[in-house]
C-alpha atoms as a PDB file:
ATOM      1  CA  MET A   1      66.855  22.845  57.293  1.00  0.00           C
ATOM      2  CA  ALA A   2      63.134  22.634  57.172  1.00  0.00           C
ATOM      3  CA  ALA A   3      60.823  26.050  58.891  1.00  0.00           C
ATOM      4  CA  SER A   4      60.564  26.471  62.071  1.00  0.00           C
ATOM      5  CA  ILE A   5      57.706  24.417  63.312  1.00  0.00           C
ATOM      6  CA  LEU A   6      56.198  27.650  64.708  1.00  0.00           C
ATOM      7  CA  PRO A   7      56.212  30.129  62.152  1.00  0.00           C
ATOM      8  CA  THR A   8      54.105  33.003  63.579  1.00  0.00           C
ATOM      9  CA  LEU A   9      55.935  32.601  67.163  1.00  0.00           C
ATOM     10  CA  GLN A  10      58.284  35.604  68.081  1.00  0.00           C
ATOM     11  CA  PRO A  11      60.840  33.992  69.943  1.00  0.00           C
ATOM     12  CA  PRO A  12      61.698  35.559  72.932  1.00  0.00           C
ATOM     13  CA  ARG A  13      65.567  36.600  73.401  1.00  0.00           C
ATOM     14  CA  ALA A  14      67.492  36.233  76.230  1.00  0.00           C
ATOM     15  CA  GLY A  15      68.817  39.295  76.965  1.00  0.00           C
ATOM     16  CA  VAL A  16      65.645  41.187  77.137  1.00  0.00           C
ATOM     17  CA  GLY A  17      64.180  42.281  81.058  1.00  0.00           C
ATOM     18  CA  PRO A  18      65.254  41.809  84.513  1.00  0.00           C
ATOM     19  CA  THR A  19      66.001  38.943  85.862  1.00  0.00           C
ATOM     20  CA  ARG A  20      63.995  39.865  89.051  1.00  0.00           C
ATOM     21  CA  PHE A  21      65.702  37.553  91.336  1.00  0.00           C
ATOM     22  CA  ALA A  22      67.607  38.845  94.824  1.00  0.00           C
ATOM     23  CA  GLY A  23      70.860  37.102  93.348  1.00  0.00           C
ATOM     24  CA  ARG A  24      73.484  38.050  90.349  1.00  0.00           C
ATOM     25  CA  LEU A  25      73.772  36.210  87.094  1.00  0.00           C
ATOM     26  CA  ILE A  26      77.329  36.657  85.475  1.00  0.00           C
ATOM     27  CA  ILE A  27      78.016  34.709  82.387  1.00  0.00           C
ATOM     28  CA  PHE A  28      80.843  33.436  80.577  1.00  0.00           C
ATOM     29  CA  GLU A  29      81.507  32.957  77.052  1.00  0.00           C
ATOM     30  CA  GLY A  30      83.570  32.353  73.819  1.00  0.00           C
ATOM     31  CA  LEU A  31      85.505  29.670  72.151  1.00  0.00           C
ATOM     32  CA  ASP A  32      87.607  26.944  73.565  1.00  0.00           C
ATOM     33  CA  GLY A  33      90.648  28.352  74.398  1.00  0.00           C
ATOM     34  CA  SER A  34      89.735  31.773  75.085  1.00  0.00           C
ATOM     35  CA  GLY A  35      90.283  31.586  78.430  1.00  0.00           C
ATOM     36  CA  LYS A  36      86.840  32.334  79.812  1.00  0.00           C
ATOM     37  CA  SER A  37      86.807  29.317  82.046  1.00  0.00           C
ATOM     38  CA  THR A  38      90.082  30.335  83.983  1.00  0.00           C
ATOM     39  CA  GLN A  39      88.755  33.897  84.225  1.00  0.00           C
ATOM     40  CA  ALA A  40      85.403  32.663  85.536  1.00  0.00           C
ATOM     41  CA  ARG A  41      87.272  30.781  88.196  1.00  0.00           C
ATOM     42  CA  LEU A  42      89.276  33.703  88.929  1.00  0.00           C
ATOM     43  CA  LEU A  43      86.546  35.950  89.719  1.00  0.00           C
ATOM     44  CA  VAL A  44      84.667  33.168  91.305  1.00  0.00           C
ATOM     45  CA  LYS A  45      88.021  33.200  94.088  1.00  0.00           C
ATOM     46  CA  TRP A  46      87.961  37.087  93.929  1.00  0.00           C
ATOM     47  CA  LEU A  47      84.053  37.562  95.228  1.00  0.00           C
ATOM     48  CA  GLN A  48      84.645  34.330  97.693  1.00  0.00           C
ATOM     49  CA  ALA A  49      88.079  36.784  99.191  1.00  0.00           C
ATOM     50  CA  ARG A  50      85.441  39.308  99.491  1.00  0.00           C
ATOM     51  CA  GLY A  51      82.504  37.524 101.624  1.00  0.00           C
ATOM     52  CA  TYR A  52      80.128  37.099  98.840  1.00  0.00           C
ATOM     53  CA  ARG A  53      78.131  34.121  98.538  1.00  0.00           C
ATOM     54  CA  VAL A  54      79.198  32.197  95.044  1.00  0.00           C
ATOM     55  CA  PHE A  55      77.808  29.534  93.363  1.00  0.00           C
ATOM     56  CA  PHE A  56      79.766  28.490  90.204  1.00  0.00           C
ATOM     57  CA  THR A  57      78.152  26.077  87.216  1.00  0.00           C
ATOM     58  CA  GLU A  58      79.662  24.485  83.713  1.00  0.00           C
ATOM     59  CA  TRP A  59      77.865  24.016  80.701  1.00  0.00           C
ATOM     60  CA  ASN A  60      76.631  20.158  79.979  1.00  0.00           C
ATOM     61  CA  SER A  61      77.014  19.288  83.507  1.00  0.00           C
ATOM     62  CA  SER A  62      73.060  17.888  84.437  1.00  0.00           C
ATOM     63  CA  GLU A  63      73.067  14.630  85.842  1.00  0.00           C
ATOM     64  CA  LEU A  64      69.658  13.892  84.217  1.00  0.00           C
ATOM     65  CA  ILE A  65      71.122  14.143  80.637  1.00  0.00           C
ATOM     66  CA  SER A  66      74.810  14.091  80.590  1.00  0.00           C
ATOM     67  CA  ALA A  67      75.177  10.430  80.429  1.00  0.00           C
ATOM     68  CA  THR A  68      72.780  10.239  77.417  1.00  0.00           C
ATOM     69  CA  ILE A  69      74.968  13.324  75.512  1.00  0.00           C
ATOM     70  CA  ARG A  70      78.079  11.237  76.368  1.00  0.00           C
ATOM     71  CA  ARG A  71      76.750   8.312  75.060  1.00  0.00           C
ATOM     72  CA  GLY A  72      75.508   9.892  71.825  1.00  0.00           C
ATOM     73  CA  LYS A  73      78.735  11.560  70.819  1.00  0.00           C
ATOM     74  CA  LYS A  74      80.586   7.779  71.694  1.00  0.00           C
ATOM     75  CA  LYS A  75      78.196   6.238  69.094  1.00  0.00           C
ATOM     76  CA  ASN A  76      78.185   9.137  66.893  1.00  0.00           C
ATOM     77  CA  LEU A  77      74.108   9.108  67.301  1.00  0.00           C
ATOM     78  CA  LEU A  78      73.810  12.636  67.405  1.00  0.00           C
ATOM     79  CA  THR A  79      71.857  15.003  64.510  1.00  0.00           C
ATOM     80  CA  PRO A  80      72.226  18.492  64.380  1.00  0.00           C
ATOM     81  CA  THR A  81      68.333  18.480  65.906  1.00  0.00           C
ATOM     82  CA  THR A  82      68.743  15.733  68.528  1.00  0.00           C
ATOM     83  CA  PHE A  83      71.844  17.525  69.479  1.00  0.00           C
ATOM     84  CA  SER A  84      70.462  20.627  69.927  1.00  0.00           C
ATOM     85  CA  LEU A  85      67.295  19.072  71.842  1.00  0.00           C
ATOM     86  CA  LEU A  86      69.474  17.410  74.483  1.00  0.00           C
ATOM     87  CA  HIS A  87      71.817  20.050  75.391  1.00  0.00           C
ATOM     88  CA  ALA A  88      68.369  22.163  75.837  1.00  0.00           C
ATOM     89  CA  THR A  89      67.059  19.709  78.427  1.00  0.00           C
ATOM     90  CA  ASP A  90      70.234  19.521  79.882  1.00  0.00           C
ATOM     91  CA  PHE A  91      70.325  23.124  80.487  1.00  0.00           C
ATOM     92  CA  ALA A  92      66.618  23.151  81.439  1.00  0.00           C
ATOM     93  CA  ASP A  93      67.476  20.939  84.225  1.00  0.00           C
ATOM     94  CA  ARG A  94      70.688  22.431  85.278  1.00  0.00           C
ATOM     95  CA  LEU A  95      69.102  25.794  85.067  1.00  0.00           C
ATOM     96  CA  GLU A  96      66.217  24.285  87.601  1.00  0.00           C
ATOM     97  CA  GLN A  97      68.403  22.227  90.046  1.00  0.00           C
ATOM     98  CA  HIS A  98      71.960  24.438  89.828  1.00  0.00           C
ATOM     99  CA  ILE A  99      71.266  28.051  88.766  1.00  0.00           C
ATOM    100  CA  LEU A 100      67.909  29.000  90.038  1.00  0.00           C
ATOM    101  CA  PRO A 101      68.225  28.092  93.955  1.00  0.00           C
ATOM    102  CA  PRO A 102      70.995  29.865  94.434  1.00  0.00           C
ATOM    103  CA  LEU A 103      69.743  32.775  92.313  1.00  0.00           C
ATOM    104  CA  ARG A 104      66.804  33.193  94.789  1.00  0.00           C
ATOM    105  CA  ALA A 105      68.701  33.045  97.919  1.00  0.00           C
ATOM    106  CA  GLY A 106      71.103  35.872  96.891  1.00  0.00           C
ATOM    107  CA  TYR A 107      74.213  34.392  95.358  1.00  0.00           C
ATOM    108  CA  VAL A 108      76.102  35.515  92.941  1.00  0.00           C
ATOM    109  CA  VAL A 109      75.873  32.742  90.285  1.00  0.00           C
ATOM    110  CA  VAL A 110      78.714  32.704  88.086  1.00  0.00           C
ATOM    111  CA  CYS A 111      78.231  30.517  84.670  1.00  0.00           C
ATOM    112  CA  ASP A 112      81.083  29.179  82.317  1.00  0.00           C
ATOM    113  CA  ARG A 113      78.675  29.414  79.126  1.00  0.00           C
ATOM    114  CA  TYR A 114      75.096  29.948  78.897  1.00  0.00           C
ATOM    115  CA  ALA A 115      72.045  29.545  76.773  1.00  0.00           C
ATOM    116  CA  TYR A 116      74.447  31.682  74.069  1.00  0.00           C
ATOM    117  CA  THR A 117      76.660  28.653  73.812  1.00  0.00           C
ATOM    118  CA  ALA A 118      73.592  27.089  72.026  1.00  0.00           C
ATOM    119  CA  PHE A 119      72.682  29.845  70.089  1.00  0.00           C
ATOM    120  CA  VAL A 120      76.070  29.696  68.404  1.00  0.00           C
ATOM    121  CA  ARG A 121      76.995  25.960  68.229  1.00  0.00           C
ATOM    122  CA  ASP A 122      72.907  24.854  66.611  1.00  0.00           C
ATOM    123  CA  ALA A 123      73.440  27.505  64.268  1.00  0.00           C
ATOM    124  CA  ALA A 124      76.790  26.476  63.178  1.00  0.00           C
ATOM    125  CA  ARG A 125      75.357  23.105  62.844  1.00  0.00           C
ATOM    126  CA  GLY A 126      72.692  24.338  60.794  1.00  0.00           C
ATOM    127  CA  CYS A 127      69.566  24.617  63.064  1.00  0.00           C
ATOM    128  CA  ASP A 128      66.977  28.230  62.240  1.00  0.00           C
ATOM    129  CA  PRO A 129      68.786  30.100  64.966  1.00  0.00           C
ATOM    130  CA  ASP A 130      65.075  31.607  65.787  1.00  0.00           C
ATOM    131  CA  TRP A 131      64.186  28.216  66.525  1.00  0.00           C
ATOM    132  CA  VAL A 132      66.981  27.349  68.514  1.00  0.00           C
ATOM    133  CA  ARG A 133      66.506  30.702  70.548  1.00  0.00           C
ATOM    134  CA  SER A 134      62.640  30.045  71.210  1.00  0.00           C
ATOM    135  CA  LEU A 135      63.940  26.490  72.824  1.00  0.00           C
ATOM    136  CA  TYR A 136      66.014  28.471  75.521  1.00  0.00           C
ATOM    137  CA  GLY A 137      62.564  31.498  75.933  1.00  0.00           C
ATOM    138  CA  PHE A 138      62.442  29.884  79.818  1.00  0.00           C
ATOM    139  CA  ALA A 139      66.076  30.817  80.314  1.00  0.00           C
ATOM    140  CA  PRO A 140      66.320  34.464  82.884  1.00  0.00           C
ATOM    141  CA  THR A 141      68.099  37.325  81.260  1.00  0.00           C
ATOM    142  CA  PRO A 142      71.699  37.592  83.049  1.00  0.00           C
ATOM    143  CA  ASP A 143      73.031  40.865  84.537  1.00  0.00           C
ATOM    144  CA  LYS A 144      76.171  40.512  82.477  1.00  0.00           C
ATOM    145  CA  VAL A 145      77.538  38.335  79.874  1.00  0.00           C
ATOM    146  CA  PHE A 146      81.416  38.998  78.894  1.00  0.00           C
ATOM    147  CA  TYR A 147      82.140  37.262  75.407  1.00  0.00           C
ATOM    148  CA  PHE A 148      86.196  36.493  75.334  1.00  0.00           C
ATOM    149  CA  ARG A 149      87.328  37.371  71.632  1.00  0.00           C
ATOM    150  CA  VAL A 150      90.244  35.361  70.596  1.00  0.00           C
ATOM    151  CA  PRO A 151      91.403  34.728  66.740  1.00  0.00           C
ATOM    152  CA  VAL A 152      90.776  31.156  66.052  1.00  0.00           C
ATOM    153  CA  ALA A 153      94.451  30.396  65.392  1.00  0.00           C
ATOM    154  CA  THR A 154      94.908  31.538  69.314  1.00  0.00           C
ATOM    155  CA  SER A 155      92.372  28.942  70.366  1.00  0.00           C
ATOM    156  CA  LEU A 156      93.587  25.824  68.482  1.00  0.00           C
ATOM    157  CA  ALA A 157      97.158  26.975  69.572  1.00  0.00           C
ATOM    158  CA  ARG A 158      95.824  27.321  73.405  1.00  0.00           C
ATOM    159  CA  LYS A 159      93.797  23.870  73.272  1.00  0.00           C
ATOM    160  CA  ILE A 160      97.373  22.442  71.340  1.00  0.00           C
ATOM    161  CA  ALA A 161      99.406  23.673  74.359  1.00  0.00           C
ATOM    162  CA  SER A 162      96.867  22.383  77.132  1.00  0.00           C
ATOM    163  CA  ARG A 163      97.736  18.780  75.271  1.00  0.00           C
ATOM    164  CA  GLN A 164      94.117  17.987  75.617  1.00  0.00           C
ATOM    165  CA  LYS A 165      92.878  15.829  72.657  1.00  0.00           C
ATOM    166  CA  ILE A 166      90.773  17.838  70.337  1.00  0.00           C
ATOM    167  CA  SER A 167      86.977  15.349  70.633  1.00  0.00           C
ATOM    168  CA  TYR A 168      85.077  14.737  67.219  1.00  0.00           C
ATOM    169  CA  TYR A 169      82.206  17.161  68.179  1.00  0.00           C
ATOM    170  CA  GLU A 170      84.361  19.738  69.145  1.00  0.00           C
ATOM    171  CA  ALA A 171      85.986  20.237  65.502  1.00  0.00           C
ATOM    172  CA  GLY A 172      83.040  19.541  64.094  1.00  0.00           C
ATOM    173  CA  MET A 173      84.137  16.580  62.616  1.00  0.00           C
ATOM    174  CA  ASP A 174      80.551  15.240  62.148  1.00  0.00           C
ATOM    175  CA  LEU A 175      79.548  18.144  59.430  1.00  0.00           C
ATOM    176  CA  GLY A 176      82.096  16.887  57.050  1.00  0.00           C
ATOM    177  CA  LEU A 177      84.090  20.060  57.222  1.00  0.00           C
ATOM    178  CA  ALA A 178      87.493  18.413  56.435  1.00  0.00           C
ATOM    179  CA  ASP A 179      88.782  15.100  56.855  1.00  0.00           C
ATOM    180  CA  ASP A 180      91.844  16.214  59.159  1.00  0.00           C
ATOM    181  CA  VAL A 181      90.983  17.072  62.910  1.00  0.00           C
ATOM    182  CA  ILE A 182      92.922  20.058  62.754  1.00  0.00           C
ATOM    183  CA  ALA A 183      91.459  21.740  59.511  1.00  0.00           C
ATOM    184  CA  SER A 184      88.186  20.935  60.339  1.00  0.00           C
ATOM    185  CA  TYR A 185      88.528  22.469  64.332  1.00  0.00           C
ATOM    186  CA  GLU A 186      89.959  25.486  62.255  1.00  0.00           C
ATOM    187  CA  LYS A 187      86.766  26.127  59.831  1.00  0.00           C
ATOM    188  CA  PHE A 188      84.204  24.778  62.698  1.00  0.00           C
ATOM    189  CA  GLN A 189      85.896  27.480  65.217  1.00  0.00           C
ATOM    190  CA  SER A 190      85.659  29.793  62.526  1.00  0.00           C
ATOM    191  CA  ARG A 191      81.826  29.444  62.400  1.00  0.00           C
ATOM    192  CA  LEU A 192      81.087  29.628  66.164  1.00  0.00           C
ATOM    193  CA  LYS A 193      83.170  32.779  66.230  1.00  0.00           C
ATOM    194  CA  ARG A 194      80.963  34.593  63.133  1.00  0.00           C
ATOM    195  CA  GLU A 195      78.234  33.481  65.134  1.00  0.00           C
ATOM    196  CA  TYR A 196      79.340  34.968  68.399  1.00  0.00           C
ATOM    197  CA  GLU A 197      80.240  38.149  66.835  1.00  0.00           C
ATOM    198  CA  ARG A 198      76.252  38.286  65.385  1.00  0.00           C
ATOM    199  CA  LEU A 199      75.237  37.739  68.979  1.00  0.00           C
ATOM    200  CA  VAL A 200      77.552  41.080  70.283  1.00  0.00           C
ATOM    201  CA  THR A 201      74.722  43.708  70.018  1.00  0.00           C
ATOM    202  CA  VAL A 202      71.609  41.474  69.818  1.00  0.00           C
ATOM    203  CA  ASP A 203      72.513  40.597  73.180  1.00  0.00           C
ATOM    204  CA  LYS A 204      74.409  43.104  74.520  1.00  0.00           C
ATOM    205  CA  PHE A 205      77.883  41.467  75.091  1.00  0.00           C
ATOM    206  CA  VAL A 206      80.922  42.679  76.669  1.00  0.00           C
ATOM    207  CA  VAL A 207      83.801  42.048  74.781  1.00  0.00           C
ATOM    208  CA  ILE A 208      86.499  40.968  76.440  1.00  0.00           C
ATOM    209  CA  ASP A 209      90.118  41.105  74.385  1.00  0.00           C
ATOM    210  CA  ALA A 210      91.154  37.484  75.954  1.00  0.00           C
ATOM    211  CA  ASP A 211      94.159  37.905  73.572  1.00  0.00           C
ATOM    212  CA  ARG A 212      96.167  39.438  76.369  1.00  0.00           C
ATOM    213  CA  PRO A 213      98.039  38.706  79.767  1.00  0.00           C
ATOM    214  CA  VAL A 214      95.546  37.198  82.424  1.00  0.00           C
ATOM    215  CA  GLU A 215      95.720  39.858  84.892  1.00  0.00           C
ATOM    216  CA  THR A 216      94.935  42.549  82.584  1.00  0.00           C
ATOM    217  CA  VAL A 217      91.749  40.710  81.466  1.00  0.00           C
ATOM    218  CA  LEU A 218      91.004  39.972  84.976  1.00  0.00           C
ATOM    219  CA  ASN A 219      91.224  43.557  86.088  1.00  0.00           C
ATOM    220  CA  GLN A 220      88.732  44.221  82.776  1.00  0.00           C
ATOM    221  CA  VAL A 221      86.256  41.418  84.233  1.00  0.00           C
ATOM    222  CA  ARG A 222      86.348  43.061  88.070  1.00  0.00           C
ATOM    223  CA  ARG A 223      85.884  46.743  86.757  1.00  0.00           C
ATOM    224  CA  GLU A 224      82.604  45.367  84.857  1.00  0.00           C
ATOM    225  CA  VAL A 225      81.419  43.668  87.563  1.00  0.00           C
ATOM    226  CA  ARG A 226      81.943  46.187  90.437  1.00  0.00           C
ATOM    227  CA  PRO A 227      79.022  48.104  89.555  1.00  0.00           C
ATOM    228  CA  LEU A 228      76.688  44.478  90.170  1.00  0.00           C
ATOM    229  CA  LEU A 229      77.859  44.591  93.325  1.00  0.00           C
ATOM    230  CA  THR A 230      76.940  47.914  94.766  1.00  0.00           C
ATOM    231  CA  GLY A 231      74.961  47.603  97.683  1.00  0.00           C
ATOM    232  CA  PHE A 232      74.512  43.842  96.953  1.00  0.00           C
ATOM    233  CA  PRO A 233      74.892  42.097 100.652  1.00  0.00           C
ATOM    234  CA  LYS A 234      77.846  40.388 101.435  1.00  0.00           C
ATOM    235  CA  ALA A 235      77.737  36.864 103.753  1.00  0.00           C
ATOM    236  CA  GLU A 236      78.347  38.429 106.689  1.00  0.00           C
ATOM    237  CA  SER A 237      75.576  41.088 106.316  1.00  0.00           C
ATOM    238  CA  LEU A 238      73.469  38.193 105.819  1.00  0.00           C
ATOM    239  CA  VAL A 239      73.749  36.414 108.585  1.00  0.00           C
ATOM    240  CA  HIS A 240      73.736  39.407 111.080  1.00  0.00           C
ATOM    241  CA  ALA A 241      70.113  40.020 109.686  1.00  0.00           C
ATOM    242  CA  GLU A 242      69.242  37.095 110.351  1.00  0.00           C
ATOM    243  CA  GLU A 243      70.441  37.424 113.568  1.00  0.00           C
END
């Protein structure tokens, strides 16, 4: 790929500096089939049961741009660069419309994927990692990022067991890694895993061994989250304070 168009810019890094919001921002990252989505939803239920105000959001969910991304995928029109730019636009809208408002209002915001997904996927498709990171310089720093680490073989096995069709882009078929979907999936997910492992230290991920029973993983997630809740108001206390 050509050199960055901003050669003198030091790209801002997600993971540096406080969020400075009333709420808490908790991120779940990992390969498809890592169990992160299941654990994110279980955490949401656990927090709600304890009286906290919670907002849950997923990757690629902006109404502004999601239809364009789906259309581009369906017609195989996306290059690595246009893919990256469209997802950055999707994330920016999702951030402004769905993440920042509840953060400012004092909610615990749980995200199934964040800017790190773009760092990993776009780099795996050949985009300059610093250029991609600079696109997301507006993203606030999370309070906690969980990386659900599993072998690629586990990711594939869980995907097959779920009976969900492996999509063209999910398998990295656009990169010409292999003619067979399964073989391409394994190669592309291996690229993603290498990128995630590279970010573990840089972005201070909390690594979760996700190749364990659901309850064991859930208990670890709860232990990691509890310190973030010390002194954090619950919905009932907020109502009383307003009265």
